[in-house]
Amino acid sequence: MRHRTPPWRTKQPDWLALLTVAAQLAGQPQALADDYVEHCRMDGNSWTGIGTEHTHAWDALRKRRRSGCGQE
């Protein structure tokens, strides 16, 4: 029978490093969207059209997250 290592003897993760990575990952979708908005504007799309599509995309993403899609 294997013995479990007591919790006080296990090495704790570097929470600050994990927080930094999480913040960087959280910013990636917005940074990507900002880049696409810039390209849409250079291609002649209106702010209204971009805003409408952007809103639809983010609403769909939020709906997927609420429904649990992509979670194990």
Protein backbone atom coordinates (compact mmCIF):
# COMPACT_ATOMS: atom_id res chain seq x y z
CA MET A 1 0.00 0.00 0.00
CA ARG A 2 1.35 3.42 -0.97
CA HIS A 3 1.42 6.18 1.58
CA ARG A 4 0.22 9.61 0.63
CA THR A 5 2.57 12.50 1.15
CA PRO A 6 1.24 14.82 3.85
CA PRO A 7 0.02 18.15 2.45
CA TRP A 8 2.60 20.14 4.42
CA ARG A 9 5.42 18.26 2.69
CA THR A 10 4.30 18.86 -0.87
CA LYS A 11 5.66 21.79 -2.77
CA GLN A 12 3.05 24.48 -3.37
CA PRO A 13 2.72 26.00 -6.83
CA ASP A 14 4.05 29.48 -7.48
CA TRP A 15 0.67 31.22 -7.31
CA LEU A 16 2.02 34.56 -8.49
CA ALA A 17 3.51 32.94 -11.58
CA LEU A 18 0.24 31.13 -12.27
CA LEU A 19 -1.69 34.38 -11.85
CA THR A 20 0.63 36.08 -14.34
CA VAL A 21 0.10 33.33 -16.91
CA ALA A 22 -3.66 33.39 -16.38
CA ALA A 23 -3.75 37.15 -16.92
CA GLN A 24 -1.71 36.82 -20.10
CA LEU A 25 -3.99 34.10 -21.44
CA ALA A 26 -7.11 36.06 -20.53
CA GLY A 27 -5.84 39.01 -22.56
CA GLN A 28 -5.10 37.01 -25.70
CA PRO A 29 -8.66 36.85 -27.09
CA GLN A 30 -9.08 40.61 -26.69
CA ALA A 31 -5.68 41.32 -28.26
CA LEU A 32 -6.59 39.08 -31.19
CA ALA A 33 -9.97 40.77 -31.56
CA ASP A 34 -8.29 44.19 -31.48
CA ASP A 35 -5.97 43.09 -34.29
CA TYR A 36 -8.91 41.85 -36.36
CA VAL A 37 -10.80 45.11 -35.77
CA GLU A 38 -7.81 47.04 -37.08
CA HIS A 39 -7.71 44.85 -40.21
CA CYS A 40 -11.46 45.23 -40.70
CA ARG A 41 -11.10 49.01 -40.58
CA MET A 42 -8.19 48.93 -43.06
CA ASP A 43 -10.40 46.82 -45.33
CA GLY A 44 -13.09 49.53 -45.28
CA ASN A 45 -15.60 48.03 -42.85
CA SER A 46 -17.70 50.48 -40.80
CA TRP A 47 -17.51 50.74 -37.02
CA THR A 48 -21.19 49.76 -36.91
CA GLY A 49 -20.60 46.57 -38.89
CA ILE A 50 -17.55 45.67 -36.85
CA GLY A 51 -19.37 46.35 -33.58
CA THR A 52 -22.31 44.20 -34.60
CA GLU A 53 -20.12 41.23 -35.55
CA HIS A 54 -17.90 41.68 -32.50
CA THR A 55 -20.93 41.67 -30.19
CA HIS A 56 -22.35 38.54 -31.82
CA ALA A 57 -19.03 36.72 -31.48
CA TRP A 58 -18.57 37.60 -27.79
CA ASP A 59 -22.20 36.76 -27.01
CA ALA A 60 -21.75 33.34 -28.61
CA LEU A 61 -18.57 32.76 -26.61
CA ARG A 62 -20.29 33.70 -23.34
CA LYS A 63 -23.22 31.43 -24.18
CA ARG A 64 -20.88 28.51 -24.83
CA ARG A 65 -19.06 29.10 -21.55
CA ARG A 66 -22.33 29.24 -19.59
CA SER A 67 -23.58 26.03 -21.19
CA GLY A 68 -20.38 24.22 -20.20
CA CYS A 69 -19.11 23.54 -23.70
CA GLY A 70 -15.42 22.79 -23.80
CA GLN A 71 -15.21 21.73 -20.18
CA GLU A 72 -14.16 18.28 -19.16
